[in-house]
């Protein structure tokens, strides 16, 4: 455990030399603009649920899946240059600990994005004077569900990023698989099983008869699919990393 925490601290120090904080705040900042402009002609009809739906749409459909790939690629970028993997794995550390530390840092960065999104939602709702008590259960399930649904993507992107020395190739692949999200989300057959659309489904505040396509899938079922994907992608990436030749 001590070595694992040291590895996490080392990963944090590597990232401190980058401008990654700009990416962490970018999506919540855009969500603020969306929230301030949403339904301006009918302010009296704005509710916390509608505001959450408007602010989470682009955030979960586009930015969260892309950021999961960017964070994973950034955490592997330093090792791909100048024999970094050889230097790192020559240290008295276990490969499993190295890999899980990178995954934990990716998950932590995504959690920071979600916490900032939560702060943005509360700030916009307060500024716009949204009536009624805060639906903490709805908001909490949306924010946590979006983060949890990103974990399989983070595991998959980490597996790809540690295997490919190119920084741009994993990102290009991630973006190209994110763009079809809106079309796939409308399919109740394929949507629940497409990892790039799962954050959007998990953050949607509407379900059941209020939703359509894959959006009407029960949250418990979606989280089961996400958990299965997470275990599969994380195990596959870890096995590939332990067999990695350096």
C-alpha atoms as a PDB file:
ATOM      1  CA  UNK A   1       0.000   0.000   0.000  1.00  0.00           C
ATOM      2  CA  UNK A   2       2.845   2.390   0.835  1.00  0.00           C
ATOM      3  CA  UNK A   3       4.485   1.798  -2.567  1.00  0.00           C
ATOM      4  CA  UNK A   4       1.124   2.292  -4.270  1.00  0.00           C
ATOM      5  CA  UNK A   5       0.625   5.656  -2.556  1.00  0.00           C
ATOM      6  CA  UNK A   6       4.148   6.696  -3.538  1.00  0.00           C
ATOM      7  CA  UNK A   7       3.414   5.789  -7.147  1.00  0.00           C
ATOM      8  CA  UNK A   8       0.218   7.856  -7.047  1.00  0.00           C
ATOM      9  CA  UNK A   9       2.196  10.770  -5.605  1.00  0.00           C
ATOM     10  CA  UNK A  10       4.775  10.403  -8.389  1.00  0.00           C
ATOM     11  CA  UNK A  11       2.032  10.458 -11.023  1.00  0.00           C
ATOM     12  CA  UNK A  12       0.595  13.596  -9.434  1.00  0.00           C
ATOM     13  CA  UNK A  13       3.997  15.301  -9.567  1.00  0.00           C
ATOM     14  CA  UNK A  14       4.351  14.426 -13.262  1.00  0.00           C
ATOM     15  CA  UNK A  15       0.976  15.976 -14.018  1.00  0.00           C
ATOM     16  CA  UNK A  16       1.791  19.110 -12.009  1.00  0.00           C
ATOM     17  CA  UNK A  17       4.257  20.061 -14.751  1.00  0.00           C
ATOM     18  CA  UNK A  18       1.478  20.091 -17.349  1.00  0.00           C
ATOM     19  CA  UNK A  19      -1.484  22.396 -17.863  1.00  0.00           C
ATOM     20  CA  UNK A  20      -3.981  19.605 -17.250  1.00  0.00           C
ATOM     21  CA  UNK A  21      -6.001  21.780 -14.873  1.00  0.00           C
ATOM     22  CA  UNK A  22      -7.303  23.665 -17.920  1.00  0.00           C
ATOM     23  CA  UNK A  23      -8.917  20.457 -19.186  1.00  0.00           C
ATOM     24  CA  UNK A  24     -10.339  19.679 -15.743  1.00  0.00           C
ATOM     25  CA  UNK A  25     -12.243  22.978 -15.588  1.00  0.00           C
ATOM     26  CA  UNK A  26     -13.091  23.265 -19.299  1.00  0.00           C
ATOM     27  CA  UNK A  27     -16.211  21.082 -19.408  1.00  0.00           C
ATOM     28  CA  UNK A  28     -17.786  22.439 -16.175  1.00  0.00           C
ATOM     29  CA  UNK A  29     -17.134  25.976 -17.465  1.00  0.00           C
ATOM     30  CA  UNK A  30     -18.953  25.215 -20.720  1.00  0.00           C
ATOM     31  CA  UNK A  31     -21.768  23.611 -18.718  1.00  0.00           C
ATOM     32  CA  UNK A  32     -22.146  26.911 -16.823  1.00  0.00           C
ATOM     33  CA  UNK A  33     -22.709  28.771 -20.102  1.00  0.00           C
ATOM     34  CA  UNK A  34     -25.242  26.171 -21.219  1.00  0.00           C
ATOM     35  CA  UNK A  35     -27.065  26.418 -17.897  1.00  0.00           C
ATOM     36  CA  UNK A  36     -27.209  30.197 -17.967  1.00  0.00           C
ATOM     37  CA  UNK A  37     -28.605  30.238 -21.500  1.00  0.00           C
ATOM     38  CA  UNK A  38     -30.992  27.274 -21.247  1.00  0.00           C
ATOM     39  CA  UNK A  39     -34.681  28.200 -21.635  1.00  0.00           C
ATOM     40  CA  UNK A  40     -34.061  31.914 -21.086  1.00  0.00           C
ATOM     41  CA  UNK A  41     -37.410  32.707 -22.667  1.00  0.00           C
ATOM     42  CA  UNK A  42     -39.233  30.617 -20.070  1.00  0.00           C
ATOM     43  CA  UNK A  43     -37.304  31.130 -16.840  1.00  0.00           C
ATOM     44  CA  UNK A  44     -40.307  30.368 -14.694  1.00  0.00           C
ATOM     45  CA  UNK A  45     -40.470  26.805 -16.043  1.00  0.00           C
ATOM     46  CA  UNK A  46     -36.870  25.907 -15.258  1.00  0.00           C
ATOM     47  CA  UNK A  47     -36.534  23.148 -12.662  1.00  0.00           C
ATOM     48  CA  UNK A  48     -33.501  21.418 -11.175  1.00  0.00           C
ATOM     49  CA  UNK A  49     -34.200  18.381 -13.341  1.00  0.00           C
ATOM     50  CA  UNK A  50     -34.381  20.395 -16.564  1.00  0.00           C
ATOM     51  CA  UNK A  51     -31.267  22.358 -15.612  1.00  0.00           C
ATOM     52  CA  UNK A  52     -29.373  19.147 -14.863  1.00  0.00           C
ATOM     53  CA  UNK A  53     -30.514  17.697 -18.180  1.00  0.00           C
ATOM     54  CA  UNK A  54     -29.385  20.755 -20.144  1.00  0.00           C
ATOM     55  CA  UNK A  55     -26.017  21.127 -18.426  1.00  0.00           C
ATOM     56  CA  UNK A  56     -25.135  17.425 -18.491  1.00  0.00           C
ATOM     57  CA  UNK A  57     -26.039  16.793 -22.142  1.00  0.00           C
ATOM     58  CA  UNK A  58     -22.861  17.988 -23.897  1.00  0.00           C
ATOM     59  CA  UNK A  59     -20.773  17.415 -20.775  1.00  0.00           C
ATOM     60  CA  UNK A  60     -21.601  13.699 -20.611  1.00  0.00           C
ATOM     61  CA  UNK A  61     -22.123  13.066 -24.317  1.00  0.00           C
ATOM     62  CA  UNK A  62     -18.836  14.566 -25.520  1.00  0.00           C
ATOM     63  CA  UNK A  63     -16.434  15.903 -22.913  1.00  0.00           C
ATOM     64  CA  UNK A  64     -16.432  13.126 -20.300  1.00  0.00           C
ATOM     65  CA  UNK A  65     -15.642  10.321 -22.801  1.00  0.00           C
ATOM     66  CA  UNK A  66     -12.967  12.432 -24.487  1.00  0.00           C
ATOM     67  CA  UNK A  67     -11.409  13.516 -21.191  1.00  0.00           C
ATOM     68  CA  UNK A  68     -11.130   9.903 -20.039  1.00  0.00           C
ATOM     69  CA  UNK A  69      -8.914   9.265 -23.057  1.00  0.00           C
ATOM     70  CA  UNK A  70      -6.923  12.488 -22.660  1.00  0.00           C
ATOM     71  CA  UNK A  71      -6.156  11.817 -18.992  1.00  0.00           C
ATOM     72  CA  UNK A  72      -5.093   8.220 -19.669  1.00  0.00           C
ATOM     73  CA  UNK A  73      -2.883   9.279 -22.586  1.00  0.00           C
ATOM     74  CA  UNK A  74      -1.277  12.051 -20.529  1.00  0.00           C
ATOM     75  CA  UNK A  75      -0.422   9.609 -17.738  1.00  0.00           C
ATOM     76  CA  UNK A  76       1.403   7.349 -20.208  1.00  0.00           C
ATOM     77  CA  UNK A  77       2.977  10.111 -22.284  1.00  0.00           C
ATOM     78  CA  UNK A  78       5.956  10.654 -20.001  1.00  0.00           C
ATOM     79  CA  UNK A  79       6.973   6.973 -20.029  1.00  0.00           C
ATOM     80  CA  UNK A  80       6.824   6.664 -23.812  1.00  0.00           C
ATOM     81  CA  UNK A  81       9.675   9.155 -24.254  1.00  0.00           C
ATOM     82  CA  UNK A  82      13.398   8.538 -23.632  1.00  0.00           C
ATOM     83  CA  UNK A  83      13.005   4.993 -22.342  1.00  0.00           C
ATOM     84  CA  UNK A  84      10.654   6.022 -19.549  1.00  0.00           C
ATOM     85  CA  UNK A  85       9.050   2.597 -19.213  1.00  0.00           C
ATOM     86  CA  UNK A  86      12.452   0.945 -18.761  1.00  0.00           C
ATOM     87  CA  UNK A  87      13.443   3.447 -16.097  1.00  0.00           C
ATOM     88  CA  UNK A  88      10.156   3.108 -14.245  1.00  0.00           C
ATOM     89  CA  UNK A  89       9.921  -0.679 -14.329  1.00  0.00           C
ATOM     90  CA  UNK A  90      13.607  -1.039 -13.350  1.00  0.00           C
ATOM     91  CA  UNK A  91      12.637   0.356  -9.946  1.00  0.00           C
ATOM     92  CA  UNK A  92      11.605  -2.012  -7.135  1.00  0.00           C
ATOM     93  CA  UNK A  93       7.909  -1.651  -7.908  1.00  0.00           C
ATOM     94  CA  UNK A  94       5.310  -4.147  -9.056  1.00  0.00           C
ATOM     95  CA  UNK A  95       3.831  -3.699 -12.505  1.00  0.00           C
ATOM     96  CA  UNK A  96       0.361  -4.187 -11.069  1.00  0.00           C
ATOM     97  CA  UNK A  97       0.913  -1.271  -8.673  1.00  0.00           C
ATOM     98  CA  UNK A  98       2.222   0.957 -11.478  1.00  0.00           C
ATOM     99  CA  UNK A  99      -0.790   0.222 -13.674  1.00  0.00           C
ATOM    100  CA  UNK A 100      -3.365   0.611 -10.915  1.00  0.00           C
ATOM    101  CA  UNK A 101      -1.750   3.891  -9.801  1.00  0.00           C
ATOM    102  CA  UNK A 102      -2.211   5.302 -13.293  1.00  0.00           C
ATOM    103  CA  UNK A 103      -5.802   4.086 -13.362  1.00  0.00           C
ATOM    104  CA  UNK A 104      -6.467   5.583  -9.918  1.00  0.00           C
ATOM    105  CA  UNK A 105      -5.091   8.941 -11.043  1.00  0.00           C
ATOM    106  CA  UNK A 106      -7.285   8.868 -14.161  1.00  0.00           C
ATOM    107  CA  UNK A 107     -10.322   8.087 -12.003  1.00  0.00           C
ATOM    108  CA  UNK A 108      -9.335  10.876  -9.599  1.00  0.00           C
ATOM    109  CA  UNK A 109      -9.106  13.443 -12.384  1.00  0.00           C
ATOM    110  CA  UNK A 110     -12.535  12.404 -13.680  1.00  0.00           C
ATOM    111  CA  UNK A 111     -13.904  12.717 -10.133  1.00  0.00           C
ATOM    112  CA  UNK A 112     -12.501  16.261  -9.948  1.00  0.00           C
ATOM    113  CA  UNK A 113     -14.304  17.102 -13.197  1.00  0.00           C
ATOM    114  CA  UNK A 114     -17.585  15.764 -11.795  1.00  0.00           C
ATOM    115  CA  UNK A 115     -17.217  17.672  -8.524  1.00  0.00           C
ATOM    116  CA  UNK A 116     -16.643  20.880 -10.471  1.00  0.00           C
ATOM    117  CA  UNK A 117     -19.702  20.080 -12.576  1.00  0.00           C
ATOM    118  CA  UNK A 118     -21.724  19.660  -9.369  1.00  0.00           C
ATOM    119  CA  UNK A 119     -20.483  23.033  -8.118  1.00  0.00           C
ATOM    120  CA  UNK A 120     -21.347  24.586 -11.491  1.00  0.00           C
ATOM    121  CA  UNK A 121     -24.876  23.132 -11.380  1.00  0.00           C
ATOM    122  CA  UNK A 122     -25.526  24.459  -7.880  1.00  0.00           C
ATOM    123  CA  UNK A 123     -24.105  27.880  -8.753  1.00  0.00           C
ATOM    124  CA  UNK A 124     -26.199  28.240 -11.920  1.00  0.00           C
ATOM    125  CA  UNK A 125     -29.333  27.029 -10.153  1.00  0.00           C
ATOM    126  CA  UNK A 126     -28.796  29.577  -7.385  1.00  0.00           C
ATOM    127  CA  UNK A 127     -28.121  32.415  -9.820  1.00  0.00           C
ATOM    128  CA  UNK A 128     -31.242  31.596 -11.813  1.00  0.00           C
ATOM    129  CA  UNK A 129     -33.366  31.163  -8.722  1.00  0.00           C
ATOM    130  CA  UNK A 130     -34.574  27.677  -9.544  1.00  0.00           C
ATOM    131  CA  UNK A 131     -37.564  27.046  -7.256  1.00  0.00           C
ATOM    132  CA  UNK A 132     -38.092  24.101  -4.952  1.00  0.00           C
ATOM    133  CA  UNK A 133     -35.756  22.104  -2.716  1.00  0.00           C
ATOM    134  CA  UNK A 134     -32.603  20.584  -4.137  1.00  0.00           C
ATOM    135  CA  UNK A 135     -33.233  17.007  -5.341  1.00  0.00           C
ATOM    136  CA  UNK A 136     -30.001  15.709  -3.822  1.00  0.00           C
ATOM    137  CA  UNK A 137     -30.768  12.079  -4.601  1.00  0.00           C
ATOM    138  CA  UNK A 138     -31.330  12.819  -8.284  1.00  0.00           C
ATOM    139  CA  UNK A 139     -28.294  15.085  -8.574  1.00  0.00           C
ATOM    140  CA  UNK A 140     -26.052  12.755  -6.586  1.00  0.00           C
ATOM    141  CA  UNK A 141     -27.047   9.730  -8.669  1.00  0.00           C
ATOM    142  CA  UNK A 142     -26.396  11.685 -11.866  1.00  0.00           C
ATOM    143  CA  UNK A 143     -22.961  13.006 -10.845  1.00  0.00           C
ATOM    144  CA  UNK A 144     -21.777   9.713  -9.341  1.00  0.00           C
ATOM    145  CA  UNK A 145     -23.290   7.670 -12.176  1.00  0.00           C
ATOM    146  CA  UNK A 146     -21.504   9.784 -14.787  1.00  0.00           C
ATOM    147  CA  UNK A 147     -18.177   9.286 -13.001  1.00  0.00           C
ATOM    148  CA  UNK A 148     -18.677   5.557 -12.516  1.00  0.00           C
ATOM    149  CA  UNK A 149     -19.743   5.103 -16.153  1.00  0.00           C
ATOM    150  CA  UNK A 150     -16.444   6.709 -17.237  1.00  0.00           C
ATOM    151  CA  UNK A 151     -14.321   4.125 -15.412  1.00  0.00           C
ATOM    152  CA  UNK A 152     -14.612   1.384 -18.092  1.00  0.00           C
ATOM    153  CA  UNK A 153     -13.622   3.974 -20.683  1.00  0.00           C
ATOM    154  CA  UNK A 154     -10.684   5.064 -18.540  1.00  0.00           C
ATOM    155  CA  UNK A 155      -9.582   1.429 -18.195  1.00  0.00           C
ATOM    156  CA  UNK A 156      -9.914   0.832 -21.931  1.00  0.00           C
ATOM    157  CA  UNK A 157      -8.092   4.038 -22.855  1.00  0.00           C
ATOM    158  CA  UNK A 158      -5.308   3.304 -20.383  1.00  0.00           C
ATOM    159  CA  UNK A 159      -4.832  -0.125 -21.949  1.00  0.00           C
ATOM    160  CA  UNK A 160      -4.577   1.438 -25.411  1.00  0.00           C
ATOM    161  CA  UNK A 161      -2.360   4.329 -24.284  1.00  0.00           C
ATOM    162  CA  UNK A 162       0.208   2.132 -22.532  1.00  0.00           C
ATOM    163  CA  UNK A 163       0.458  -0.046 -25.623  1.00  0.00           C
ATOM    164  CA  UNK A 164       0.743   2.714 -28.248  1.00  0.00           C
ATOM    165  CA  UNK A 165       3.729   5.035 -28.119  1.00  0.00           C
ATOM    166  CA  UNK A 166       1.868   7.671 -30.135  1.00  0.00           C
ATOM    167  CA  UNK A 167       0.068  10.283 -28.047  1.00  0.00           C
ATOM    168  CA  UNK A 168      -2.325  11.316 -30.810  1.00  0.00           C
ATOM    169  CA  UNK A 169      -3.449   7.896 -32.032  1.00  0.00           C
ATOM    170  CA  UNK A 170      -5.367   6.844 -28.867  1.00  0.00           C
ATOM    171  CA  UNK A 171      -6.992  10.283 -28.711  1.00  0.00           C
ATOM    172  CA  UNK A 172      -8.045  10.158 -32.357  1.00  0.00           C
ATOM    173  CA  UNK A 173      -9.551   6.705 -31.799  1.00  0.00           C
ATOM    174  CA  UNK A 174     -11.379   7.912 -28.681  1.00  0.00           C
ATOM    175  CA  UNK A 175     -12.828  10.987 -30.393  1.00  0.00           C
ATOM    176  CA  UNK A 176     -13.945   9.001 -33.443  1.00  0.00           C
ATOM    177  CA  UNK A 177     -15.799   6.550 -31.187  1.00  0.00           C
ATOM    178  CA  UNK A 178     -17.346   9.356 -29.109  1.00  0.00           C
ATOM    179  CA  UNK A 179     -18.900  11.284 -31.993  1.00  0.00           C
ATOM    180  CA  UNK A 180     -21.661   8.696 -32.778  1.00  0.00           C
ATOM    181  CA  UNK A 181     -22.978   8.936 -29.186  1.00  0.00           C
ATOM    182  CA  UNK A 182     -26.193  10.809 -29.914  1.00  0.00           C
ATOM    183  CA  UNK A 183     -27.268   8.333 -32.578  1.00  0.00           C
ATOM    184  CA  UNK A 184     -26.382   5.266 -30.526  1.00  0.00           C
ATOM    185  CA  UNK A 185     -28.073   6.657 -27.389  1.00  0.00           C
ATOM    186  CA  UNK A 186     -31.386   6.513 -29.271  1.00  0.00           C
ATOM    187  CA  UNK A 187     -31.043   2.750 -29.650  1.00  0.00           C
ATOM    188  CA  UNK A 188     -32.309   0.728 -26.702  1.00  0.00           C
ATOM    189  CA  UNK A 189     -30.628  -2.308 -28.271  1.00  0.00           C
ATOM    190  CA  UNK A 190     -27.058  -1.053 -28.667  1.00  0.00           C
ATOM    191  CA  UNK A 191     -26.894   2.051 -26.454  1.00  0.00           C
ATOM    192  CA  UNK A 192     -26.542   0.346 -23.043  1.00  0.00           C
ATOM    193  CA  UNK A 193     -23.552  -1.703 -24.248  1.00  0.00           C
ATOM    194  CA  UNK A 194     -21.618   1.080 -26.001  1.00  0.00           C
ATOM    195  CA  UNK A 195     -19.011   2.336 -23.475  1.00  0.00           C
ATOM    196  CA  UNK A 196     -18.731   5.841 -24.930  1.00  0.00           C
ATOM    197  CA  UNK A 197     -22.448   6.569 -24.492  1.00  0.00           C
ATOM    198  CA  UNK A 198     -22.777   5.149 -20.974  1.00  0.00           C
ATOM    199  CA  UNK A 199     -21.802   8.414 -19.168  1.00  0.00           C
ATOM    200  CA  UNK A 200     -24.597  10.211 -21.030  1.00  0.00           C
ATOM    201  CA  UNK A 201     -27.135   7.546 -20.074  1.00  0.00           C
ATOM    202  CA  UNK A 202     -25.992   7.533 -16.452  1.00  0.00           C
ATOM    203  CA  UNK A 203     -26.213  11.322 -16.052  1.00  0.00           C
ATOM    204  CA  UNK A 204     -29.628  11.680 -17.648  1.00  0.00           C
ATOM    205  CA  UNK A 205     -32.205  12.733 -15.009  1.00  0.00           C
ATOM    206  CA  UNK A 206     -35.040  11.211 -17.025  1.00  0.00           C
ATOM    207  CA  UNK A 207     -35.989   7.531 -17.076  1.00  0.00           C
ATOM    208  CA  UNK A 208     -38.909   5.203 -17.645  1.00  0.00           C
ATOM    209  CA  UNK A 209     -41.856   6.705 -19.529  1.00  0.00           C
ATOM    210  CA  UNK A 210     -40.133  10.117 -19.566  1.00  0.00           C
ATOM    211  CA  UNK A 211     -37.245   8.808 -21.666  1.00  0.00           C
ATOM    212  CA  UNK A 212     -36.712   7.130 -25.022  1.00  0.00           C
ATOM    213  CA  UNK A 213     -34.242   4.722 -26.580  1.00  0.00           C
ATOM    214  CA  UNK A 214     -31.498   3.563 -24.229  1.00  0.00           C
ATOM    215  CA  UNK A 215     -32.384   6.404 -21.822  1.00  0.00           C
ATOM    216  CA  UNK A 216     -35.301   4.392 -20.420  1.00  0.00           C
ATOM    217  CA  UNK A 217     -32.956   1.657 -19.199  1.00  0.00           C
ATOM    218  CA  UNK A 218     -33.096   1.313 -15.372  1.00  0.00           C
ATOM    219  CA  UNK A 219     -30.027   2.837 -13.722  1.00  0.00           C
ATOM    220  CA  UNK A 220     -29.344  -0.391 -11.808  1.00  0.00           C
ATOM    221  CA  UNK A 221     -29.160  -2.368 -15.063  1.00  0.00           C
ATOM    222  CA  UNK A 222     -26.875   0.214 -16.661  1.00  0.00           C
ATOM    223  CA  UNK A 223     -24.538   0.188 -13.646  1.00  0.00           C
ATOM    224  CA  UNK A 224     -24.391  -3.609 -13.863  1.00  0.00           C
ATOM    225  CA  UNK A 225     -23.285  -3.382 -17.491  1.00  0.00           C
ATOM    226  CA  UNK A 226     -20.754  -0.681 -16.572  1.00  0.00           C
ATOM    227  CA  UNK A 227     -19.320  -2.767 -13.737  1.00  0.00           C
ATOM    228  CA  UNK A 228     -18.921  -5.769 -16.019  1.00  0.00           C
ATOM    229  CA  UNK A 229     -17.182  -3.630 -18.647  1.00  0.00           C
ATOM    230  CA  UNK A 230     -14.892  -2.122 -16.006  1.00  0.00           C
ATOM    231  CA  UNK A 231     -13.750  -5.520 -14.732  1.00  0.00           C
ATOM    232  CA  UNK A 232     -13.199  -6.789 -18.284  1.00  0.00           C
ATOM    233  CA  UNK A 233     -11.248  -3.765 -19.579  1.00  0.00           C
ATOM    234  CA  UNK A 234      -9.194  -3.310 -16.420  1.00  0.00           C
ATOM    235  CA  UNK A 235      -8.223  -6.989 -16.286  1.00  0.00           C
ATOM    236  CA  UNK A 236      -7.351  -7.087 -20.002  1.00  0.00           C
ATOM    237  CA  UNK A 237      -5.224  -3.936 -19.748  1.00  0.00           C
ATOM    238  CA  UNK A 238      -3.445  -5.158 -16.630  1.00  0.00           C
ATOM    239  CA  UNK A 239      -2.634  -8.531 -18.201  1.00  0.00           C
ATOM    240  CA  UNK A 240      -1.276  -6.811 -21.329  1.00  0.00           C
ATOM    241  CA  UNK A 241       0.810  -4.432 -19.202  1.00  0.00           C
ATOM    242  CA  UNK A 242       2.293  -7.249 -17.114  1.00  0.00           C
ATOM    243  CA  UNK A 243       3.383  -8.955 -20.339  1.00  0.00           C
ATOM    244  CA  UNK A 244       4.676  -5.727 -21.865  1.00  0.00           C
ATOM    245  CA  UNK A 245       8.220  -5.968 -23.189  1.00  0.00           C
ATOM    246  CA  UNK A 246      10.393  -2.980 -22.290  1.00  0.00           C
END
